[in-house]
Amino acid sequence: MTAARELLEETGYKGDPEPAGSCWDDAGSTAKRHAYVARNCVRVAEQKFDEMEFVSVELIELDEFKKVMRAGLMTDVELAYLALDHLGLL
């Protein structure tokens, strides 16, 4: 599954991904974005990036994540909402 591979490559974590929903990329686009959540994550490797990628992994408490999300201080807020809704954490 692509989500599992991307999780491992970009974060170094392995887990059990599951689909959390989809949304349009923007109002003028025909592209859809898909949100996944991964349960039971464990760090098993170093990150491996493509040439133009970079990811900074930060582990934070759920309340802090919600504050950052609601303040608009992250990209892809709509995907974060889909993931939290899927998990029943809104």
PDB file of N, CA and C in Angstrom:
ATOM      1  N   MET A   1       0.849  -1.181   0.000  1.00  0.00           N
ATOM      2  CA  MET A   1       0.000   0.000   0.000  1.00  0.00           C
ATOM      3  C   MET A   1       0.894   1.243   0.000  1.00  0.00           C
ATOM      4  N   THR A   2       0.522   2.198  -0.808  1.00  0.00           N
ATOM      5  CA  THR A   2       1.305   3.420  -0.958  1.00  0.00           C
ATOM      6  C   THR A   2       1.428   4.189   0.347  1.00  0.00           C
ATOM      7  N   ALA A   3       0.359   4.280   1.118  1.00  0.00           N
ATOM      8  CA  ALA A   3       0.402   5.036   2.376  1.00  0.00           C
ATOM      9  C   ALA A   3       1.424   4.442   3.334  1.00  0.00           C
ATOM     10  N   ALA A   4       1.499   3.124   3.418  1.00  0.00           N
ATOM     11  CA  ALA A   4       2.459   2.472   4.311  1.00  0.00           C
ATOM     12  C   ALA A   4       3.889   2.748   3.856  1.00  0.00           C
ATOM     13  N   ARG A   5       4.128   2.676   2.542  1.00  0.00           N
ATOM     14  CA  ARG A   5       5.459   2.937   2.008  1.00  0.00           C
ATOM     15  C   ARG A   5       5.883   4.379   2.264  1.00  0.00           C
ATOM     16  N   GLU A   6       4.987   5.332   2.009  1.00  0.00           N
ATOM     17  CA  GLU A   6       5.296   6.742   2.224  1.00  0.00           C
ATOM     18  C   GLU A   6       5.544   7.040   3.704  1.00  0.00           C
ATOM     19  N   LEU A   7       4.741   6.452   4.586  1.00  0.00           N
ATOM     20  CA  LEU A   7       4.947   6.625   6.025  1.00  0.00           C
ATOM     21  C   LEU A   7       6.356   6.191   6.406  1.00  0.00           C
ATOM     22  N   LEU A   8       6.760   5.012   5.953  1.00  0.00           N
ATOM     23  CA  LEU A   8       8.080   4.499   6.291  1.00  0.00           C
ATOM     24  C   LEU A   8       9.191   5.363   5.698  1.00  0.00           C
ATOM     25  N   GLU A   9       9.081   5.701   4.411  1.00  0.00           N
ATOM     26  CA  GLU A   9      10.129   6.484   3.759  1.00  0.00           C
ATOM     27  C   GLU A   9      10.272   7.877   4.358  1.00  0.00           C
ATOM     28  N   GLU A  10       9.164   8.548   4.574  1.00  0.00           N
ATOM     29  CA  GLU A  10       9.225   9.954   4.978  1.00  0.00           C
ATOM     30  C   GLU A  10       9.378  10.170   6.469  1.00  0.00           C
ATOM     31  N   THR A  11       8.986   9.183   7.287  1.00  0.00           N
ATOM     32  CA  THR A  11       9.075   9.364   8.733  1.00  0.00           C
ATOM     33  C   THR A  11       9.968   8.351   9.431  1.00  0.00           C
ATOM     34  N   GLY A  12      10.192   7.204   8.807  1.00  0.00           N
ATOM     35  CA  GLY A  12      10.931   6.123   9.458  1.00  0.00           C
ATOM     36  C   GLY A  12      10.047   5.265  10.347  1.00  0.00           C
ATOM     37  N   TYR A  13       8.740   5.541  10.342  1.00  0.00           N
ATOM     38  CA  TYR A  13       7.799   4.790  11.168  1.00  0.00           C
ATOM     39  C   TYR A  13       7.044   3.764  10.338  1.00  0.00           C
ATOM     40  N   LYS A  14       6.734   2.647  10.978  1.00  0.00           N
ATOM     41  CA  LYS A  14       5.895   1.610  10.383  1.00  0.00           C
ATOM     42  C   LYS A  14       4.632   1.543  11.228  1.00  0.00           C
ATOM     43  N   GLY A  15       3.480   1.394  10.574  1.00  0.00           N
ATOM     44  CA  GLY A  15       2.221   1.330  11.299  1.00  0.00           C
ATOM     45  C   GLY A  15       1.156   0.666  10.452  1.00  0.00           C
ATOM     46  N   ASP A  16      -0.074   0.787  10.884  1.00  0.00           N
ATOM     47  CA  ASP A  16      -1.220   0.191  10.201  1.00  0.00           C
ATOM     48  C   ASP A  16      -2.080   1.309   9.621  1.00  0.00           C
ATOM     49  N   PRO A  17      -1.833   1.712   8.352  1.00  0.00           N
ATOM     50  CA  PRO A  17      -2.600   2.818   7.772  1.00  0.00           C
ATOM     51  C   PRO A  17      -4.022   2.415   7.398  1.00  0.00           C
ATOM     52  N   GLU A  18      -4.916   3.390   7.528  1.00  0.00           N
ATOM     53  CA  GLU A  18      -6.302   3.196   7.102  1.00  0.00           C
ATOM     54  C   GLU A  18      -6.819   4.507   6.523  1.00  0.00           C
ATOM     55  N   PRO A  19      -7.660   4.441   5.482  1.00  0.00           N
ATOM     56  CA  PRO A  19      -8.170   5.664   4.860  1.00  0.00           C
ATOM     57  C   PRO A  19      -9.062   6.446   5.822  1.00  0.00           C
ATOM     58  N   ALA A  20      -8.905   7.778   5.817  1.00  0.00           N
ATOM     59  CA  ALA A  20      -9.681   8.639   6.712  1.00  0.00           C
ATOM     60  C   ALA A  20     -10.589   9.602   5.957  1.00  0.00           C
ATOM     61  N   GLY A  21     -10.515   9.625   4.630  1.00  0.00           N
ATOM     62  CA  GLY A  21     -11.378  10.497   3.849  1.00  0.00           C
ATOM     63  C   GLY A  21     -10.628  11.170   2.720  1.00  0.00           C
ATOM     64  N   SER A  22     -11.382  11.902   1.903  1.00  0.00           N
ATOM     65  CA  SER A  22     -10.816  12.594   0.746  1.00  0.00           C
ATOM     66  C   SER A  22     -11.411  13.985   0.634  1.00  0.00           C
ATOM     67  N   CYS A  23     -10.703  14.856  -0.077  1.00  0.00           N
ATOM     68  CA  CYS A  23     -11.204  16.201  -0.354  1.00  0.00           C
ATOM     69  C   CYS A  23     -10.571  16.695  -1.648  1.00  0.00           C
ATOM     70  N   TRP A  24     -11.186  17.700  -2.257  1.00  0.00           N
ATOM     71  CA  TRP A  24     -10.630  18.299  -3.460  1.00  0.00           C
ATOM     72  C   TRP A  24      -9.383  19.092  -3.109  1.00  0.00           C
ATOM     73  N   ASP A  25      -8.435  19.140  -4.042  1.00  0.00           N
ATOM     74  CA  ASP A  25      -7.198  19.887  -3.827  1.00  0.00           C
ATOM     75  C   ASP A  25      -7.493  21.368  -3.628  1.00  0.00           C
ATOM     76  N   ASP A  26      -8.328  21.937  -4.474  1.00  0.00           N
ATOM     77  CA  ASP A  26      -8.822  23.303  -4.305  1.00  0.00           C
ATOM     78  C   ASP A  26     -10.063  23.462  -5.174  1.00  0.00           C
ATOM     79  N   ALA A  27     -10.699  24.600  -5.087  1.00  0.00           N
ATOM     80  CA  ALA A  27     -11.983  24.810  -5.756  1.00  0.00           C
ATOM     81  C   ALA A  27     -11.908  24.689  -7.275  1.00  0.00           C
ATOM     82  N   GLY A  28     -10.769  24.971  -7.869  1.00  0.00           N
ATOM     83  CA  GLY A  28     -10.649  24.917  -9.320  1.00  0.00           C
ATOM     84  C   GLY A  28      -9.967  23.666  -9.836  1.00  0.00           C
ATOM     85  N   SER A  29      -9.791  22.685  -8.985  1.00  0.00           N
ATOM     86  CA  SER A  29      -9.014  21.502  -9.345  1.00  0.00           C
ATOM     87  C   SER A  29      -9.899  20.273  -9.499  1.00  0.00           C
ATOM     88  N   THR A  30      -9.433  19.342 -10.315  1.00  0.00           N
ATOM     89  CA  THR A  30     -10.098  18.041 -10.416  1.00  0.00           C
ATOM     90  C   THR A  30      -9.310  16.983  -9.646  1.00  0.00           C
ATOM     91  N   ALA A  31      -8.247  17.398  -8.966  1.00  0.00           N
ATOM     92  CA  ALA A  31      -7.418  16.469  -8.191  1.00  0.00           C
ATOM     93  C   ALA A  31      -7.991  16.305  -6.788  1.00  0.00           C
ATOM     94  N   LYS A  32      -7.989  15.071  -6.315  1.00  0.00           N
ATOM     95  CA  LYS A  32      -8.433  14.792  -4.953  1.00  0.00           C
ATOM     96  C   LYS A  32      -7.231  14.455  -4.086  1.00  0.00           C
ATOM     97  N   ARG A  33      -7.332  14.816  -2.817  1.00  0.00           N
ATOM     98  CA  ARG A  33      -6.315  14.498  -1.820  1.00  0.00           C
ATOM     99  C   ARG A  33      -6.927  13.485  -0.862  1.00  0.00           C
ATOM    100  N   HIS A  34      -6.122  12.563  -0.417  1.00  0.00           N
ATOM    101  CA  HIS A  34      -6.609  11.483   0.434  1.00  0.00           C
ATOM    102  C   HIS A  34      -5.877  11.499   1.766  1.00  0.00           C
ATOM    103  N   ALA A  35      -6.640  11.432   2.844  1.00  0.00           N
ATOM    104  CA  ALA A  35      -6.071  11.407   4.193  1.00  0.00           C
ATOM    105  C   ALA A  35      -6.033   9.968   4.706  1.00  0.00           C
ATOM    106  N   TYR A  36      -4.944   9.644   5.355  1.00  0.00           N
ATOM    107  CA  TYR A  36      -4.796   8.346   6.011  1.00  0.00           C
ATOM    108  C   TYR A  36      -4.351   8.576   7.446  1.00  0.00           C
ATOM    109  N   VAL A  37      -4.732   7.675   8.312  1.00  0.00           N
ATOM    110  CA  VAL A  37      -4.188   7.647   9.668  1.00  0.00           C
ATOM    111  C   VAL A  37      -3.465   6.314   9.821  1.00  0.00           C
ATOM    112  N   ALA A  38      -2.466   6.295  10.654  1.00  0.00           N
ATOM    113  CA  ALA A  38      -1.732   5.057  10.899  1.00  0.00           C
ATOM    114  C   ALA A  38      -1.751   4.789  12.398  1.00  0.00           C
ATOM    115  N   ARG A  39      -2.206   3.624  12.729  1.00  0.00           N
ATOM    116  CA  ARG A  39      -2.238   3.199  14.136  1.00  0.00           C
ATOM    117  C   ARG A  39      -1.033   2.296  14.417  1.00  0.00           C
ATOM    118  N   ASN A  40      -0.714   2.162  15.697  1.00  0.00           N
ATOM    119  CA  ASN A  40       0.347   1.247  16.139  1.00  0.00           C
ATOM    120  C   ASN A  40       1.700   1.571  15.498  1.00  0.00           C
ATOM    121  N   CYS A  41       2.038   2.836  15.433  1.00  0.00           N
ATOM    122  CA  CYS A  41       3.287   3.250  14.787  1.00  0.00           C
ATOM    123  C   CYS A  41       4.497   2.998  15.681  1.00  0.00           C
ATOM    124  N   VAL A  42       5.559   2.538  15.038  1.00  0.00           N
ATOM    125  CA  VAL A  42       6.830   2.276  15.709  1.00  0.00           C
ATOM    126  C   VAL A  42       7.941   2.737  14.776  1.00  0.00           C
ATOM    127  N   ARG A  43       8.918   3.443  15.315  1.00  0.00           N
ATOM    128  CA  ARG A  43      10.044   3.875  14.486  1.00  0.00           C
ATOM    129  C   ARG A  43      10.945   2.675  14.235  1.00  0.00           C
ATOM    130  N   VAL A  44      11.187   2.389  12.960  1.00  0.00           N
ATOM    131  CA  VAL A  44      11.968   1.206  12.590  1.00  0.00           C
ATOM    132  C   VAL A  44      13.133   1.517  11.657  1.00  0.00           C
ATOM    133  N   ALA A  45      13.223   2.758  11.158  1.00  0.00           N
ATOM    134  CA  ALA A  45      14.258   3.072  10.176  1.00  0.00           C
ATOM    135  C   ALA A  45      14.548   4.567  10.173  1.00  0.00           C
ATOM    136  N   GLU A  46      15.583   4.935   9.458  1.00  0.00           N
ATOM    137  CA  GLU A  46      15.878   6.336   9.201  1.00  0.00           C
ATOM    138  C   GLU A  46      14.989   6.818   8.053  1.00  0.00           C
ATOM    139  N   GLN A  47      14.760   8.115   7.986  1.00  0.00           N
ATOM    140  CA  GLN A  47      13.981   8.692   6.894  1.00  0.00           C
ATOM    141  C   GLN A  47      14.768   8.588   5.590  1.00  0.00           C
ATOM    142  N   LYS A  48      14.029   8.390   4.479  1.00  0.00           N
ATOM    143  CA  LYS A  48      14.631   8.333   3.141  1.00  0.00           C
ATOM    144  C   LYS A  48      13.822   9.247   2.237  1.00  0.00           C
ATOM    145  N   PHE A  49      14.437  10.341   1.806  1.00  0.00           N
ATOM    146  CA  PHE A  49      13.728  11.345   1.023  1.00  0.00           C
ATOM    147  C   PHE A  49      14.049  11.256  -0.456  1.00  0.00           C
ATOM    148  N   ASP A  50      13.054  11.676  -1.264  1.00  0.00           N
ATOM    149  CA  ASP A  50      13.320  11.945  -2.673  1.00  0.00           C
ATOM    150  C   ASP A  50      14.103  13.253  -2.740  1.00  0.00           C
ATOM    151  N   GLU A  51      14.608  13.585  -3.907  1.00  0.00           N
ATOM    152  CA  GLU A  51      15.480  14.743  -4.070  1.00  0.00           C
ATOM    153  C   GLU A  51      14.891  16.049  -3.545  1.00  0.00           C
ATOM    154  N   MET A  52      13.598  16.290  -3.754  1.00  0.00           N
ATOM    155  CA  MET A  52      12.980  17.565  -3.380  1.00  0.00           C
ATOM    156  C   MET A  52      12.126  17.476  -2.110  1.00  0.00           C
ATOM    157  N   GLU A  53      12.285  16.432  -1.330  1.00  0.00           N
ATOM    158  CA  GLU A  53      11.471  16.249  -0.122  1.00  0.00           C
ATOM    159  C   GLU A  53      12.247  16.572   1.141  1.00  0.00           C
ATOM    160  N   PHE A  54      11.507  17.007   2.154  1.00  0.00           N
ATOM    161  CA  PHE A  54      12.048  17.085   3.493  1.00  0.00           C
ATOM    162  C   PHE A  54      10.868  16.971   4.449  1.00  0.00           C
ATOM    163  N   VAL A  55      11.048  16.252   5.520  1.00  0.00           N
ATOM    164  CA  VAL A  55      10.002  16.074   6.524  1.00  0.00           C
ATOM    165  C   VAL A  55      10.668  16.152   7.885  1.00  0.00           C
ATOM    166  N   SER A  56      10.075  16.925   8.762  1.00  0.00           N
ATOM    167  CA  SER A  56      10.540  17.007  10.127  1.00  0.00           C
ATOM    168  C   SER A  56       9.490  16.327  11.006  1.00  0.00           C
ATOM    169  N   VAL A  57       9.842  15.245  11.632  1.00  0.00           N
ATOM    170  CA  VAL A  57       8.914  14.508  12.492  1.00  0.00           C
ATOM    171  C   VAL A  57       8.943  15.127  13.882  1.00  0.00           C
ATOM    172  N   GLU A  58       7.771  15.507  14.368  1.00  0.00           N
ATOM    173  CA  GLU A  58       7.634  16.052  15.714  1.00  0.00           C
ATOM    174  C   GLU A  58       6.504  15.320  16.418  1.00  0.00           C
ATOM    175  N   LEU A  59       6.789  14.751  17.556  1.00  0.00           N
ATOM    176  CA  LEU A  59       5.762  14.076  18.345  1.00  0.00           C
ATOM    177  C   LEU A  59       5.227  15.070  19.361  1.00  0.00           C
ATOM    178  N   ILE A  60       3.914  15.341  19.272  1.00  0.00           N
ATOM    179  CA  ILE A  60       3.282  16.290  20.191  1.00  0.00           C
ATOM    180  C   ILE A  60       1.997  15.683  20.740  1.00  0.00           C
ATOM    181  N   GLU A  61       1.544  16.216  21.854  1.00  0.00           N
ATOM    182  CA  GLU A  61       0.299  15.766  22.463  1.00  0.00           C
ATOM    183  C   GLU A  61      -0.893  16.169  21.588  1.00  0.00           C
ATOM    184  N   LEU A  62      -1.978  15.425  21.689  1.00  0.00           N
ATOM    185  CA  LEU A  62      -3.170  15.675  20.885  1.00  0.00           C
ATOM    186  C   LEU A  62      -3.710  17.086  21.086  1.00  0.00           C
ATOM    187  N   ASP A  63      -3.787  17.577  22.303  1.00  0.00           N
ATOM    188  CA  ASP A  63      -4.302  18.927  22.552  1.00  0.00           C
ATOM    189  C   ASP A  63      -3.462  19.988  21.843  1.00  0.00           C
ATOM    190  N   GLU A  64      -2.151  19.813  21.835  1.00  0.00           N
ATOM    191  CA  GLU A  64      -1.275  20.763  21.148  1.00  0.00           C
ATOM    192  C   GLU A  64      -1.486  20.685  19.636  1.00  0.00           C
ATOM    193  N   PHE A  65      -1.636  19.486  19.109  1.00  0.00           N
ATOM    194  CA  PHE A  65      -1.900  19.310  17.682  1.00  0.00           C
ATOM    195  C   PHE A  65      -3.176  20.049  17.281  1.00  0.00           C
ATOM    196  N   LYS A  66      -4.227  19.900  18.081  1.00  0.00           N
ATOM    197  CA  LYS A  66      -5.494  20.587  17.785  1.00  0.00           C
ATOM    198  C   LYS A  66      -5.333  22.102  17.827  1.00  0.00           C
ATOM    199  N   LYS A  67      -4.567  22.614  18.787  1.00  0.00           N
ATOM    200  CA  LYS A  67      -4.335  24.062  18.876  1.00  0.00           C
ATOM    201  C   LYS A  67      -3.629  24.574  17.629  1.00  0.00           C
ATOM    202  N   VAL A  68      -2.597  23.881  17.205  1.00  0.00           N
ATOM    203  CA  VAL A  68      -1.839  24.278  16.021  1.00  0.00           C
ATOM    204  C   VAL A  68      -2.737  24.220  14.784  1.00  0.00           C
ATOM    205  N   MET A  69      -3.517  23.166  14.675  1.00  0.00           N
ATOM    206  CA  MET A  69      -4.412  22.990  13.534  1.00  0.00           C
ATOM    207  C   MET A  69      -5.464  24.090  13.493  1.00  0.00           C
ATOM    208  N   ARG A  70      -6.116  24.333  14.609  1.00  0.00           N
ATOM    209  CA  ARG A  70      -7.190  25.331  14.664  1.00  0.00           C
ATOM    210  C   ARG A  70      -6.672  26.749  14.475  1.00  0.00           C
ATOM    211  N   ALA A  71      -5.422  26.983  14.805  1.00  0.00           N
ATOM    212  CA  ALA A  71      -4.831  28.312  14.630  1.00  0.00           C
ATOM    213  C   ALA A  71      -4.375  28.539  13.182  1.00  0.00           C
ATOM    214  N   GLY A  72      -4.485  27.513  12.335  1.00  0.00           N
ATOM    215  CA  GLY A  72      -4.071  27.644  10.949  1.00  0.00           C
ATOM    216  C   GLY A  72      -2.566  27.676  10.779  1.00  0.00           C
ATOM    217  N   LEU A  73      -1.847  27.053  11.698  1.00  0.00           N
ATOM    218  CA  LEU A  73      -0.388  27.096  11.678  1.00  0.00           C
ATOM    219  C   LEU A  73       0.238  25.877  11.004  1.00  0.00           C
ATOM    220  N   MET A  74      -0.563  25.115  10.263  1.00  0.00           N
ATOM    221  CA  MET A  74      -0.027  23.969   9.538  1.00  0.00           C
ATOM    222  C   MET A  74      -0.612  23.945   8.139  1.00  0.00           C
ATOM    223  N   THR A  75       0.067  23.273   7.245  1.00  0.00           N
ATOM    224  CA  THR A  75      -0.489  23.053   5.920  1.00  0.00           C
ATOM    225  C   THR A  75      -1.452  21.876   5.989  1.00  0.00           C
ATOM    226  N   ASP A  76      -2.315  21.762   5.020  1.00  0.00           N
ATOM    227  CA  ASP A  76      -3.208  20.605   4.899  1.00  0.00           C
ATOM    228  C   ASP A  76      -4.135  20.418   6.092  1.00  0.00           C
ATOM    229  N   VAL A  77      -4.655  21.529   6.592  1.00  0.00           N
ATOM    230  CA  VAL A  77      -5.538  21.484   7.757  1.00  0.00           C
ATOM    231  C   VAL A  77      -6.757  20.600   7.494  1.00  0.00           C
ATOM    232  N   GLU A  78      -7.280  20.652   6.267  1.00  0.00           N
ATOM    233  CA  GLU A  78      -8.468  19.847   5.964  1.00  0.00           C
ATOM    234  C   GLU A  78      -8.184  18.353   6.114  1.00  0.00           C
ATOM    235  N   LEU A  79      -6.975  17.919   5.782  1.00  0.00           N
ATOM    236  CA  LEU A  79      -6.627  16.513   5.944  1.00  0.00           C
ATOM    237  C   LEU A  79      -6.487  16.154   7.424  1.00  0.00           C
ATOM    238  N   ALA A  80      -5.985  17.081   8.211  1.00  0.00           N
ATOM    239  CA  ALA A  80      -5.890  16.860   9.654  1.00  0.00           C
ATOM    240  C   ALA A  80      -7.284  16.705  10.259  1.00  0.00           C
ATOM    241  N   TYR A  81      -8.234  17.559   9.838  1.00  0.00           N
ATOM    242  CA  TYR A  81      -9.614  17.433  10.321  1.00  0.00           C
ATOM    243  C   TYR A  81     -10.216  16.091   9.938  1.00  0.00           C
ATOM    244  N   LEU A  82     -10.003  15.658   8.691  1.00  0.00           N
ATOM    245  CA  LEU A  82     -10.527  14.360   8.263  1.00  0.00           C
ATOM    246  C   LEU A  82      -9.960  13.232   9.126  1.00  0.00           C
ATOM    247  N   ALA A  83      -8.661  13.300   9.417  1.00  0.00           N
ATOM    248  CA  ALA A  83      -8.031  12.259  10.225  1.00  0.00           C
ATOM    249  C   ALA A  83      -8.583  12.254  11.642  1.00  0.00           C
ATOM    250  N   LEU A  84      -8.699  13.428  12.274  1.00  0.00           N
ATOM    251  CA  LEU A  84      -9.228  13.487  13.639  1.00  0.00           C
ATOM    252  C   LEU A  84     -10.684  13.055  13.689  1.00  0.00           C
ATOM    253  N   ASP A  85     -11.464  13.423  12.682  1.00  0.00           N
ATOM    254  CA  ASP A  85     -12.863  13.002  12.623  1.00  0.00           C
ATOM    255  C   ASP A  85     -12.948  11.486  12.501  1.00  0.00           C
ATOM    256  N   HIS A  86     -12.132  10.916  11.639  1.00  0.00           N
ATOM    257  CA  HIS A  86     -12.090   9.451  11.450  1.00  0.00           C
ATOM    258  C   HIS A  86     -11.797   8.738  12.780  1.00  0.00           C
ATOM    259  N   LEU A  87     -10.925   9.335  13.559  1.00  0.00           N
ATOM    260  CA  LEU A  87     -10.531   8.737  14.844  1.00  0.00           C
ATOM    261  C   LEU A  87     -11.486   9.089  15.992  1.00  0.00           C
ATOM    262  N   GLY A  88     -12.500   9.939  15.704  1.00  0.00           N
ATOM    263  CA  GLY A  88     -13.432  10.343  16.746  1.00  0.00           C
ATOM    264  C   GLY A  88     -12.804  11.283  17.762  1.00  0.00           C
ATOM    265  N   LEU A  89     -11.844  12.100  17.317  1.00  0.00           N
ATOM    266  CA  LEU A  89     -11.086  12.962  18.246  1.00  0.00           C
ATOM    267  C   LEU A  89     -11.337  14.454  18.085  1.00  0.00           C
ATOM    268  N   LEU A  90     -12.346  14.839  17.336  1.00  0.00           N
ATOM    269  CA  LEU A  90     -12.626  16.270  17.184  1.00  0.00           C
ATOM    270  C   LEU A  90     -13.274  16.832  18.436  1.00  0.00           C
TER     271      LEU A  90
END
